[in-house]
């Protein structure tokens, strides 16, 4: 392959992988699957900044999408996010692997971007985690530059982290990689950056006096699951094991998968030795140790004593609910797995005598993830699709937007998830909190199999106990939105003394009697937290754009190895 071909091979492969996954989703319409909900226009409601009654689990992601949808339609924003997540995951891993061989970069790209982690998080709708996963190679690369005291490395690190801190779990994933890659000598700088960028969700969480505890039942309900005949730990080692069996690619159940997982893991561990030689022992083994910690944490609830430990933490430690759905932490293992596997293939290819044999081995290794999990392609072979919101949603949004009456919107039936015929009856999160211009209260209780996991919004208990619309008014509810043709029952007593305002085939909007009792909201914490994070990002962008010596030692400082 000539020089231009080598230069463009990695970006072209990354684009091919992105379109191979997302091609069926690129027409107009929204991908609504489990937790992935975008709306034509999202609004700057208090919950988008963590100022509502529930924990800030989607902060600042909701505010970021609200900002983006002031410029572009929501479905376009969603498609850009999904495409870029797969593209930059592949491109970042390919660029990060320390090699001069294009083939090795291609192997690392497919090994990182075409994984069960990407498939399962895409199917369950965790798009902020996909963005974080895509950013991890870039964060690691920028962190290594900081460790080497390269000029302008800290601004580059801030920029790499910015898209990766849109939710609390995402922020923790990104912060750990940043700290490990940059090294202990830059800890004071990387920790400061991590805290500043995560302030939009950290500050509201810290100011929540008593609502940072989660139902311990969620530990078992959201623990890692086995996907084949091996234990859950083996599924996690292969970057799978998500708790929701409905979002697992069918290919993960093939009997050969556990064996192949062990082979790939063994090759990756062998490849970590050349990685340590090229990066230096400290960064290579630190990143590997973080990866193994991710595997352990992801599978902890399935190990002896792990369930009891996590249950106790969730019950007694504020914020320990982050440990629920622990499989997400295995993202830390994805980087050493992909880089080690690619370097092991490079070492094996170097021992072959013929160039044809070397090319064949590298090509087979690059194609290996696609061959063992073909059902990530074409949006999971049609598992995902697009849908258009009925006109009812636009009409209700306009009615609410034109009325300055205080009070939140309560959605009925009391359930977090919906199944609409206009979305092919796919399980999806209630779109109302993101589609309407007023704060929305929904029942966030989750049913996982036979397990009932209590929600985290303290108001929902009083709402469940209400027997009339007037009682809802006393709880700060100004509107009731009944969503039709979706599973669940509606208590007719709650509508008896409410006034219908708008009705259509899919939605009916009611107005509660009286004046809702609404608690005042202080926007100061959100303004401070988001202001600090945005200021840091703007400074970093200026430092990258302007020819100036900025954070760090400056251009004349010689690089040092640790």
Protein backbone atom coordinates (compact mmCIF):
# COMPACT_ATOMS: atom_id res chain seq x y z
CA UNK A 1 0.00 0.00 0.00
CA UNK A 2 1.38 3.42 -0.96
CA UNK A 3 1.77 6.31 1.51
CA UNK A 4 -1.55 8.08 0.73
CA UNK A 5 -3.36 4.75 1.00
CA UNK A 6 -1.82 4.08 4.39
CA UNK A 7 -2.75 7.55 5.56
CA UNK A 8 -6.42 7.20 4.61
CA UNK A 9 -6.88 3.51 5.45
CA UNK A 10 -7.75 4.08 9.10
CA UNK A 11 -10.26 6.94 8.58
CA UNK A 12 -11.89 5.02 5.73
CA UNK A 13 -12.23 1.86 7.82
CA UNK A 14 -13.64 3.91 10.71
CA UNK A 15 -16.24 5.45 8.41
CA UNK A 16 -17.13 2.04 6.96
CA UNK A 17 -17.69 0.63 10.45
CA UNK A 18 -19.85 3.62 11.44
CA UNK A 19 -22.05 3.31 8.37
CA UNK A 20 -22.19 -0.47 8.67
CA UNK A 21 -23.79 -0.02 12.09
CA UNK A 22 -25.91 3.09 11.50
CA UNK A 23 -26.92 2.95 7.81
CA UNK A 24 -30.58 1.92 8.39
CA UNK A 25 -30.99 4.72 10.93
CA UNK A 26 -29.93 7.59 8.68
CA UNK A 27 -33.34 8.37 7.21
CA UNK A 28 -35.54 10.99 8.86
CA UNK A 29 -37.08 9.83 12.12
CA UNK A 30 -36.00 9.00 15.64
CA UNK A 31 -34.32 5.92 17.07
CA UNK A 32 -36.33 5.27 20.24
CA UNK A 33 -35.09 2.21 22.10
CA UNK A 34 -35.10 1.69 25.87
CA UNK A 35 -33.19 4.66 27.37
CA UNK A 36 -32.41 6.37 24.06
CA UNK A 37 -34.96 9.14 23.63
CA UNK A 38 -34.46 12.18 21.46
CA UNK A 39 -37.22 14.65 20.59
CA UNK A 40 -37.69 17.16 17.76
CA UNK A 41 -36.90 19.92 20.23
CA UNK A 42 -35.62 19.51 23.75
CA UNK A 43 -36.05 22.25 26.33
CA UNK A 44 -34.00 23.87 29.10
CA UNK A 45 -36.16 22.63 31.96
CA UNK A 46 -34.78 22.43 35.53
CA UNK A 47 -34.27 18.66 35.31
CA UNK A 48 -31.84 19.19 32.42
CA UNK A 49 -29.53 20.92 34.93
CA UNK A 50 -30.10 18.57 37.86
CA UNK A 51 -32.45 20.97 39.63
CA UNK A 52 -35.49 18.69 39.70
CA UNK A 53 -36.56 16.27 42.40
CA UNK A 54 -34.81 13.23 40.85
CA UNK A 55 -31.09 12.47 40.80
CA UNK A 56 -29.18 14.10 37.90
CA UNK A 57 -28.65 10.87 35.96
CA UNK A 58 -28.79 12.57 32.54
CA UNK A 59 -26.97 15.78 33.42
CA UNK A 60 -25.59 17.64 31.53
CA UNK A 61 -26.57 15.41 28.58
CA UNK A 62 -30.13 16.78 28.47
CA UNK A 63 -28.91 20.37 28.54
CA UNK A 64 -26.39 19.63 25.78
CA UNK A 65 -29.10 18.10 23.58
CA UNK A 66 -31.42 21.01 24.34
CA UNK A 67 -28.70 23.36 23.14
CA UNK A 68 -28.04 21.30 20.01
CA UNK A 69 -31.74 21.12 19.09
CA UNK A 70 -31.97 24.90 19.05
CA UNK A 71 -29.84 24.66 15.90
CA UNK A 72 -30.67 21.27 14.37
CA UNK A 73 -33.72 18.99 14.48
CA UNK A 74 -33.47 16.35 17.18
CA UNK A 75 -33.31 13.38 14.82
CA UNK A 76 -30.36 14.93 12.97
CA UNK A 77 -28.56 15.50 16.28
CA UNK A 78 -29.16 11.87 17.21
CA UNK A 79 -27.79 10.49 13.94
CA UNK A 80 -24.68 12.66 14.21
CA UNK A 81 -24.07 11.40 17.76
CA UNK A 82 -24.42 7.73 16.82
CA UNK A 83 -22.27 7.99 13.70
CA UNK A 84 -19.52 9.92 15.43
CA UNK A 85 -19.49 7.56 18.40
CA UNK A 86 -18.61 4.54 16.24
CA UNK A 87 -16.32 6.51 13.91
CA UNK A 88 -14.20 8.13 16.62
CA UNK A 89 -14.03 4.94 18.67
CA UNK A 90 -12.39 3.15 15.74
CA UNK A 91 -10.25 6.09 14.69
CA UNK A 92 -9.08 6.82 18.23
CA UNK A 93 -8.02 3.24 18.97
CA UNK A 94 -6.23 2.97 15.64
CA UNK A 95 -4.30 6.18 16.26
CA UNK A 96 -3.47 5.29 19.85
CA UNK A 97 -1.74 1.96 19.25
CA UNK A 98 2.05 2.59 19.18
CA UNK A 99 3.08 1.18 15.81
CA UNK A 100 4.27 2.13 12.36
CA UNK A 101 2.22 -0.60 10.69
CA UNK A 102 -1.12 0.41 9.18
CA UNK A 103 -2.44 -3.12 9.52
CA UNK A 104 -1.93 -3.06 13.27
CA UNK A 105 -3.90 0.17 13.49
CA UNK A 106 -6.76 -1.40 11.54
CA UNK A 107 -6.82 -4.40 13.86
CA UNK A 108 -6.97 -2.12 16.91
CA UNK A 109 -9.77 -0.09 15.31
CA UNK A 110 -12.07 -3.04 14.70
CA UNK A 111 -11.15 -4.71 18.00
CA UNK A 112 -12.22 -1.57 19.88
CA UNK A 113 -15.21 -0.33 17.87
CA UNK A 114 -16.90 -3.63 17.01
CA UNK A 115 -17.52 -5.07 20.47
CA UNK A 116 -20.38 -6.42 22.57
CA UNK A 117 -20.06 -3.31 24.72
CA UNK A 118 -20.88 -1.07 21.75
CA UNK A 119 -23.68 -3.34 20.58
CA UNK A 120 -25.37 -3.74 23.95
CA UNK A 121 -25.10 -0.09 24.94
CA UNK A 122 -26.44 0.92 21.52
CA UNK A 123 -29.40 -1.44 21.74
CA UNK A 124 -30.27 -0.34 25.29
CA UNK A 125 -29.95 3.30 24.26
CA UNK A 126 -27.05 4.49 26.41
CA UNK A 127 -25.72 6.96 23.88
CA UNK A 128 -23.74 9.06 26.44
CA UNK A 129 -21.77 5.92 27.35
CA UNK A 130 -21.12 5.31 23.65
CA UNK A 131 -19.73 8.85 23.34
CA UNK A 132 -17.54 8.28 26.38
CA UNK A 133 -16.34 4.96 24.98
CA UNK A 134 -15.41 6.75 21.74
CA UNK A 135 -13.50 9.40 23.69
CA UNK A 136 -11.46 7.03 25.88
CA UNK A 137 -8.66 6.44 23.29
CA UNK A 138 -8.38 10.19 22.73
CA UNK A 139 -8.33 10.85 26.48
CA UNK A 140 -5.63 8.21 26.92
CA UNK A 141 -3.57 9.73 24.10
CA UNK A 142 -3.90 13.23 25.52
CA UNK A 143 -3.09 11.90 29.00
CA UNK A 144 0.10 10.29 27.68
CA UNK A 145 1.02 13.63 26.12
CA UNK A 146 0.56 15.29 29.52
CA UNK A 147 2.73 12.61 31.11
CA UNK A 148 5.46 13.38 28.56
CA UNK A 149 5.10 17.12 29.27
CA UNK A 150 4.29 17.92 25.65
CA UNK A 151 3.30 21.54 24.96
CA UNK A 152 -0.43 22.32 25.07
CA UNK A 153 -1.17 18.80 26.26
CA UNK A 154 -3.50 19.85 29.07
CA UNK A 155 -5.83 21.82 26.78
CA UNK A 156 -5.94 18.82 24.45
CA UNK A 157 -6.87 16.64 27.42
CA UNK A 158 -9.73 18.96 28.40
CA UNK A 159 -11.10 18.94 24.86
CA UNK A 160 -10.88 15.15 24.63
CA UNK A 161 -12.79 14.79 27.90
CA UNK A 162 -15.55 17.30 27.16
CA UNK A 163 -17.90 15.01 25.16
CA UNK A 164 -17.25 12.19 27.64
CA UNK A 165 -18.71 13.76 30.80
CA UNK A 166 -22.40 14.04 29.88
CA UNK A 167 -23.63 11.74 32.68
CA UNK A 168 -22.21 10.70 36.07
CA UNK A 169 -21.01 7.21 34.98
CA UNK A 170 -19.50 8.71 31.83
CA UNK A 171 -17.65 11.32 33.85
CA UNK A 172 -16.19 8.69 36.19
CA UNK A 173 -15.08 6.51 33.26
CA UNK A 174 -13.36 9.44 31.58
CA UNK A 175 -11.79 10.79 34.79
CA UNK A 176 -10.18 7.47 35.66
CA UNK A 177 -8.58 7.05 32.23
CA UNK A 178 -7.36 10.66 32.32
CA UNK A 179 -5.75 10.27 35.74
CA UNK A 180 -4.13 6.92 34.92
CA UNK A 181 -2.79 8.01 31.53
CA UNK A 182 -1.34 11.30 32.79
CA UNK A 183 0.40 9.72 35.78
CA UNK A 184 0.74 10.47 39.46
CA UNK A 185 2.99 13.51 38.99
CA UNK A 186 0.20 15.36 37.19
CA UNK A 187 -2.49 14.14 39.58
CA UNK A 188 -3.23 17.57 40.98
CA UNK A 189 -3.92 18.89 37.48
CA UNK A 190 -5.95 15.97 36.18
CA UNK A 191 -8.08 15.76 39.30
CA UNK A 192 -8.83 19.48 39.06
CA UNK A 193 -9.85 19.06 35.42
CA UNK A 194 -12.00 16.04 36.27
CA UNK A 195 -13.82 17.88 39.05
CA UNK A 196 -14.36 21.02 36.97
CA UNK A 197 -15.74 19.16 33.94
CA UNK A 198 -18.01 17.01 36.11
CA UNK A 199 -19.34 19.88 38.21
CA UNK A 200 -22.65 20.11 36.24
CA UNK A 201 -23.77 16.80 37.81
CA UNK A 202 -21.51 16.75 40.87
CA UNK A 203 -22.81 19.95 42.42
CA UNK A 204 -26.54 19.12 42.17
CA UNK A 205 -25.80 15.68 43.60
CA UNK A 206 -23.89 17.10 46.56
CA UNK A 207 -26.64 19.64 47.24
CA UNK A 208 -29.32 16.95 47.31
CA UNK A 209 -29.71 16.54 51.06
CA UNK A 210 -31.26 13.08 51.21
CA UNK A 211 -32.00 11.78 47.76
CA UNK A 212 -28.67 10.21 46.79
CA UNK A 213 -29.50 6.71 48.00
CA UNK A 214 -30.73 3.97 45.65
CA UNK A 215 -32.78 0.84 46.17
CA UNK A 216 -30.38 -2.03 47.07
CA UNK A 217 -32.60 -4.36 45.03
CA UNK A 218 -31.00 -2.81 41.97
CA UNK A 219 -27.68 -4.53 42.70
CA UNK A 220 -28.97 -7.99 41.84
CA UNK A 221 -31.40 -6.77 39.19
CA UNK A 222 -28.68 -4.92 37.26
CA UNK A 223 -25.79 -7.30 37.84
CA UNK A 224 -23.82 -8.77 34.94
CA UNK A 225 -25.36 -11.76 33.19
CA UNK A 226 -23.82 -14.74 31.46
CA UNK A 227 -24.36 -14.79 27.69
CA UNK A 228 -23.30 -18.33 26.91
CA UNK A 229 -22.27 -21.45 28.85
CA UNK A 230 -19.47 -19.67 30.73
CA UNK A 231 -19.83 -17.61 33.93
CA UNK A 232 -20.75 -13.93 33.91
CA UNK A 233 -17.09 -13.06 34.52
CA UNK A 234 -16.19 -14.62 31.18
CA UNK A 235 -18.89 -12.63 29.39
CA UNK A 236 -17.59 -9.45 31.00
CA UNK A 237 -14.02 -10.33 30.00
CA UNK A 238 -15.26 -10.30 26.40
CA UNK A 239 -16.82 -6.83 26.96
CA UNK A 240 -20.35 -8.23 27.24
CA UNK A 241 -22.54 -9.33 30.13
CA UNK A 242 -25.13 -6.53 30.25
CA UNK A 243 -28.04 -7.16 32.64
CA UNK A 244 -30.76 -6.84 30.00
CA UNK A 245 -30.91 -10.06 27.98
CA UNK A 246 -33.14 -8.41 25.36
CA UNK A 247 -30.29 -6.12 24.28
CA UNK A 248 -27.69 -8.87 23.83
CA UNK A 249 -26.76 -9.79 20.21
CA UNK A 250 -27.83 -13.33 19.42
CA UNK A 251 -24.31 -14.24 18.30
CA UNK A 252 -23.10 -13.88 21.88
CA UNK A 253 -24.84 -17.16 22.73
CA UNK A 254 -22.73 -19.21 20.30
CA UNK A 255 -20.95 -22.03 22.17
CA UNK A 256 -17.57 -21.04 20.78
CA UNK A 257 -17.70 -17.46 22.16
CA UNK A 258 -16.29 -18.21 25.66
CA UNK A 259 -13.35 -20.08 24.12
CA UNK A 260 -12.65 -17.25 21.68
CA UNK A 261 -12.90 -14.77 24.56
CA UNK A 262 -10.15 -16.57 26.45
CA UNK A 263 -7.96 -16.75 23.33
CA UNK A 264 -8.34 -13.03 22.62
CA UNK A 265 -7.71 -12.12 26.28
CA UNK A 266 -4.56 -14.27 26.33
CA UNK A 267 -3.31 -12.63 23.13
CA UNK A 268 -4.08 -9.18 24.55
CA UNK A 269 -2.11 -9.90 27.72
CA UNK A 270 0.83 -11.04 25.57
CA UNK A 271 0.54 -7.84 23.54
CA UNK A 272 0.74 -5.69 26.64
CA UNK A 273 4.47 -6.44 26.95
CA UNK A 274 5.39 -4.74 23.65
CA UNK A 275 2.97 -1.97 24.65
CA UNK A 276 4.96 -1.46 27.85
CA UNK A 277 8.21 -1.30 25.87
CA UNK A 278 6.87 1.42 23.56
CA UNK A 279 4.88 3.48 26.03
CA UNK A 280 6.94 2.78 29.11
CA UNK A 281 6.00 0.43 31.93
CA UNK A 282 4.15 2.92 34.12
CA UNK A 283 1.44 4.04 31.65
CA UNK A 284 0.99 0.62 30.04
CA UNK A 285 0.62 -1.32 33.26
CA UNK A 286 -1.45 1.42 34.91
CA UNK A 287 -3.93 1.37 32.04
CA UNK A 288 -4.00 -2.43 32.17
CA UNK A 289 -4.59 -2.41 35.92
CA UNK A 290 -7.50 -0.02 35.42
CA UNK A 291 -8.90 -2.38 32.82
CA UNK A 292 -8.70 -5.35 35.15
CA UNK A 293 -10.31 -3.26 37.90
CA UNK A 294 -13.15 -2.58 35.46
CA UNK A 295 -13.59 -6.31 34.83
CA UNK A 296 -13.63 -6.99 38.57
CA UNK A 297 -16.08 -4.19 39.35
CA UNK A 298 -18.34 -5.14 36.45
CA UNK A 299 -18.63 -8.74 37.64
CA UNK A 300 -18.37 -8.12 41.41
CA UNK A 301 -22.05 -8.76 42.11
CA UNK A 302 -21.71 -12.26 40.62
CA UNK A 303 -18.64 -13.17 42.72
CA UNK A 304 -18.74 -14.60 46.26
CA UNK A 305 -19.53 -11.84 48.73
CA UNK A 306 -19.77 -9.20 46.01
CA UNK A 307 -23.56 -8.94 46.04
CA UNK A 308 -23.60 -8.36 49.81
CA UNK A 309 -20.83 -5.77 49.57
CA UNK A 310 -22.54 -3.78 46.83
CA UNK A 311 -25.92 -4.05 48.55
CA UNK A 312 -24.48 -2.63 51.75
CA UNK A 313 -22.75 0.17 49.86
CA UNK A 314 -25.94 1.08 48.00
CA UNK A 315 -27.93 1.10 51.24
CA UNK A 316 -25.49 3.13 53.36
CA UNK A 317 -23.20 5.13 51.03
CA UNK A 318 -24.62 8.21 49.26
CA UNK A 319 -24.18 8.01 45.51
CA UNK A 320 -23.35 4.30 45.52
CA UNK A 321 -26.21 3.82 43.08
CA UNK A 322 -23.55 4.55 40.44
CA UNK A 323 -22.40 0.97 41.01
CA UNK A 324 -25.69 -0.38 39.68
CA UNK A 325 -25.49 -1.70 36.13
CA UNK A 326 -21.83 -2.28 36.93
CA UNK A 327 -21.10 -3.85 33.53
CA UNK A 328 -20.53 -0.34 32.19
CA UNK A 329 -17.18 -0.18 34.02
CA UNK A 330 -15.73 -2.86 31.73
CA UNK A 331 -15.17 -0.04 29.22
CA UNK A 332 -11.83 0.44 31.01
CA UNK A 333 -10.79 -3.04 29.84
CA UNK A 334 -11.65 -2.34 26.20
CA UNK A 335 -8.54 -0.25 25.51
CA UNK A 336 -5.84 -2.63 26.82
CA UNK A 337 -7.77 -5.51 25.23
CA UNK A 338 -7.83 -3.89 21.78
CA UNK A 339 -4.28 -2.50 21.89
CA UNK A 340 -2.80 -5.69 23.31
CA UNK A 341 -4.61 -7.85 20.76
CA UNK A 342 -3.43 -5.66 17.86
CA UNK A 343 0.21 -5.72 19.03
CA UNK A 344 0.06 -9.49 19.56
CA UNK A 345 -1.13 -9.90 15.97
CA UNK A 346 1.69 -7.63 14.81
CA UNK A 347 4.25 -9.75 16.67
CA UNK A 348 2.83 -12.95 15.20
CA UNK A 349 2.80 -11.49 11.69
CA UNK A 350 6.44 -10.45 12.02
CA UNK A 351 7.39 -14.12 12.43
CA UNK A 352 5.84 -15.11 9.11
CA UNK A 353 8.24 -15.36 6.19
CA UNK A 354 6.02 -14.21 3.34
CA UNK A 355 4.34 -10.85 2.92
CA UNK A 356 1.20 -12.60 1.72
CA UNK A 357 1.00 -14.57 4.95
CA UNK A 358 1.45 -11.42 7.01
CA UNK A 359 -1.27 -9.60 5.09
CA UNK A 360 -3.63 -12.55 5.43
CA UNK A 361 -3.08 -12.78 9.19
CA UNK A 362 -3.65 -9.07 9.74
CA UNK A 363 -6.74 -9.08 7.52
CA UNK A 364 -8.18 -12.06 9.39
CA UNK A 365 -7.52 -10.36 12.73
CA UNK A 366 -9.17 -7.14 11.57
CA UNK A 367 -12.21 -9.06 10.35
CA UNK A 368 -12.40 -11.29 13.42
CA UNK A 369 -14.72 -9.02 15.51
CA UNK A 370 -17.14 -8.68 12.59
CA UNK A 371 -17.20 -12.41 11.90
CA UNK A 372 -17.84 -13.37 15.52
CA UNK A 373 -20.55 -10.73 16.04
CA UNK A 374 -22.14 -9.96 12.65
CA UNK A 375 -25.44 -8.91 14.24
CA UNK A 376 -24.14 -5.49 15.22
CA UNK A 377 -24.24 -4.60 11.52
CA UNK A 378 -27.24 -2.89 9.97
CA UNK A 379 -28.46 -1.61 13.35
CA UNK A 380 -28.48 -5.10 14.80
CA UNK A 381 -29.96 -6.67 11.68
CA UNK A 382 -33.03 -4.47 11.94
CA UNK A 383 -33.32 -4.54 15.73
CA UNK A 384 -33.33 -0.73 15.72
CA UNK A 385 -35.38 1.45 13.41
CA UNK A 386 -36.66 4.98 13.04
CA UNK A 387 -40.08 6.41 13.88
CA UNK A 388 -41.81 9.75 13.65
CA UNK A 389 -43.60 11.32 16.58
CA UNK A 390 -47.36 11.65 16.00
CA UNK A 391 -48.66 15.21 15.66
CA UNK A 392 -50.18 14.90 19.14
CA UNK A 393 -46.77 15.51 20.70
CA UNK A 394 -46.24 18.76 18.81
CA UNK A 395 -49.74 19.95 19.66
CA UNK A 396 -49.41 19.22 23.39
CA UNK A 397 -45.98 20.86 23.44
CA UNK A 398 -47.44 24.01 21.89
CA UNK A 399 -50.31 24.12 24.39
CA UNK A 400 -47.95 23.81 27.34
CA UNK A 401 -45.48 26.28 25.89
CA UNK A 402 -48.18 28.92 25.45
CA UNK A 403 -49.47 28.63 29.04
CA UNK A 404 -47.41 30.15 31.86
CA UNK A 405 -49.35 28.33 34.56
CA UNK A 406 -46.94 26.86 37.16
CA UNK A 407 -46.77 23.19 37.94
CA UNK A 408 -45.22 20.03 36.58
CA UNK A 409 -46.71 17.57 34.10
CA UNK A 410 -47.58 14.11 35.45
CA UNK A 411 -47.56 11.37 32.83
CA UNK A 412 -49.95 8.41 33.00
CA UNK A 413 -49.89 5.40 33.10
CA UNK A 414 -47.48 5.47 36.03
CA UNK A 415 -44.54 3.75 34.38
CA UNK A 416 -41.14 4.81 33.10
CA UNK A 417 -41.35 2.80 29.87
CA UNK A 418 -43.78 2.79 26.99
CA UNK A 419 -44.60 0.69 23.95
CA UNK A 420 -46.29 2.60 21.12
CA UNK A 421 -47.55 1.20 17.83
CA UNK A 422 -46.04 4.20 16.04
CA UNK A 423 -42.63 2.93 17.21
CA UNK A 424 -43.31 -0.71 16.28
CA UNK A 425 -44.14 -1.44 19.95
CA UNK A 426 -40.46 -1.21 20.90
CA UNK A 427 -39.74 -0.74 24.59
CA UNK A 428 -38.78 2.90 25.07
CA UNK A 429 -38.43 5.41 27.87
CA UNK A 430 -41.36 7.80 28.19
CA UNK A 431 -40.46 10.67 25.80
CA UNK A 432 -42.46 13.31 27.68
CA UNK A 433 -39.61 14.63 29.90
CA UNK A 434 -37.58 15.41 26.79
CA UNK A 435 -40.36 16.39 24.38
CA UNK A 436 -42.30 18.88 26.50
CA UNK A 437 -41.38 22.44 27.55
CA UNK A 438 -42.37 21.97 31.21
CA UNK A 439 -40.90 19.75 33.95
CA UNK A 440 -42.33 16.25 33.77
CA UNK A 441 -42.85 13.85 36.67
CA UNK A 442 -42.94 10.16 35.79
CA UNK A 443 -42.81 7.04 37.90
CA UNK A 444 -39.20 5.86 37.72
CA UNK A 445 -39.87 2.52 39.41
CA UNK A 446 -38.33 -0.25 37.31
CA UNK A 447 -39.48 -3.82 36.85
CA UNK A 448 -36.58 -6.14 35.99
CA UNK A 449 -37.88 -9.66 35.51
CA UNK A 450 -39.71 -10.36 38.75
CA UNK A 451 -37.70 -7.76 40.69
CA UNK A 452 -39.20 -4.37 41.52
CA UNK A 453 -36.58 -1.65 41.90
CA UNK A 454 -37.83 1.51 43.59
CA UNK A 455 -37.26 4.79 41.81
CA UNK A 456 -35.21 7.71 43.09
CA UNK A 457 -37.72 10.56 42.83
CA UNK A 458 -39.07 11.18 46.36
CA UNK A 459 -42.26 12.79 45.02
CA UNK A 460 -43.59 9.73 43.27
CA UNK A 461 -44.73 8.06 46.52
CA UNK A 462 -47.12 10.93 47.29
CA UNK A 463 -48.35 10.94 43.71
CA UNK A 464 -49.08 7.21 43.87
CA UNK A 465 -51.09 7.78 47.05
CA UNK A 466 -53.21 10.54 45.50
CA UNK A 467 -56.87 9.78 44.75
CA UNK A 468 -57.87 12.97 42.96
CA UNK A 469 -56.49 15.67 40.70
CA UNK A 470 -56.83 18.18 43.54
CA UNK A 471 -54.43 16.13 45.64
CA UNK A 472 -52.01 16.17 42.72
CA UNK A 473 -52.28 19.95 42.62
CA UNK A 474 -51.09 20.02 46.23
CA UNK A 475 -48.03 18.04 45.11
CA UNK A 476 -47.09 20.66 42.51
CA UNK A 477 -48.77 18.98 39.53
CA UNK A 478 -50.41 21.45 37.14
CA UNK A 479 -51.07 19.10 34.23
CA UNK A 480 -51.84 15.44 33.63
CA UNK A 481 -50.80 13.87 30.35
CA UNK A 482 -52.45 10.55 29.54
CA UNK A 483 -50.57 8.57 26.91
CA UNK A 484 -52.88 6.18 25.07
CA UNK A 485 -52.32 2.76 23.48
CA UNK A 486 -49.39 1.85 25.69
CA UNK A 487 -49.31 -0.82 28.43
CA UNK A 488 -50.49 0.27 31.86
CA UNK A 489 -53.64 1.37 33.68
CA UNK A 490 -54.84 4.88 34.45
CA UNK A 491 -56.65 5.59 37.72
CA UNK A 492 -59.88 7.30 36.61
CA UNK A 493 -60.16 9.04 39.99
CA UNK A 494 -57.18 11.23 39.08
CA UNK A 495 -59.02 12.57 36.05
CA UNK A 496 -62.50 13.02 37.55
CA UNK A 497 -61.97 16.60 38.70
CA UNK A 498 -59.38 17.55 36.04
CA UNK A 499 -60.24 19.67 33.00
CA UNK A 500 -59.48 18.29 29.50
CA UNK A 501 -57.41 20.81 27.54
CA UNK A 502 -56.40 18.90 24.42
CA UNK A 503 -57.13 15.42 23.15
CA UNK A 504 -55.94 13.31 20.24
CA UNK A 505 -55.60 9.63 19.33
CA UNK A 506 -52.31 9.26 21.25
CA UNK A 507 -52.39 11.91 23.99
CA UNK A 508 -54.90 13.70 26.20
CA UNK A 509 -53.84 16.69 28.29
CA UNK A 510 -55.69 17.65 31.47
CA UNK A 511 -55.42 20.68 33.73
CA UNK A 512 -55.55 20.11 37.47
CA UNK A 513 -57.90 22.25 39.60
CA UNK A 514 -56.65 25.08 41.77
CA UNK A 515 -53.18 26.56 41.92
CA UNK A 516 -50.25 24.09 42.08
CA UNK A 517 -47.97 24.36 45.09
CA UNK A 518 -44.57 24.81 43.46
CA UNK A 519 -41.30 25.01 45.34
CA UNK A 520 -38.89 27.70 44.29
CA UNK A 521 -35.79 26.70 42.35
CA UNK A 522 -32.39 28.33 42.73
CA UNK A 523 -30.57 28.38 39.40
CA UNK A 524 -27.32 29.59 41.00
CA UNK A 525 -25.75 26.11 41.44
CA UNK A 526 -26.43 25.20 37.83
CA UNK A 527 -25.07 28.50 36.57
CA UNK A 528 -21.90 28.15 38.66
CA UNK A 529 -21.29 24.49 37.80
CA UNK A 530 -21.93 24.82 34.08
CA UNK A 531 -20.12 28.14 33.97
CA UNK A 532 -16.95 26.61 35.42
CA UNK A 533 -17.05 23.64 33.02
CA UNK A 534 -17.75 25.79 29.96
CA UNK A 535 -15.08 28.33 30.93
CA UNK A 536 -12.49 25.58 31.24
CA UNK A 537 -13.50 24.19 27.84
CA UNK A 538 -13.37 27.63 26.19
CA UNK A 539 -9.93 28.32 27.65
CA UNK A 540 -8.72 24.96 26.37
CA UNK A 541 -10.06 25.66 22.90
CA UNK A 542 -8.36 29.06 22.85
CA UNK A 543 -5.08 27.53 23.97
CA UNK A 544 -5.27 24.99 21.13
CA UNK A 545 -6.16 27.61 18.55
CA UNK A 546 -3.76 30.36 19.55
CA UNK A 547 0.05 30.10 19.24
CA UNK A 548 0.74 30.56 22.94
CA UNK A 549 2.42 28.73 25.76
CA UNK A 550 -0.28 27.53 28.08
CA UNK A 551 -0.90 25.06 30.84
CA UNK A 552 2.05 22.82 31.46
CA UNK A 553 5.79 23.35 31.28
CA UNK A 554 5.95 25.13 27.94
CA UNK A 555 7.56 24.32 24.65
CA UNK A 556 11.15 24.30 25.83
CA UNK A 557 10.72 21.69 28.55
CA UNK A 558 12.36 18.42 27.58
CA UNK A 559 10.12 15.36 27.71
CA UNK A 560 10.63 13.05 30.66
CA UNK A 561 9.89 9.40 31.07
CA UNK A 562 8.31 8.05 34.23
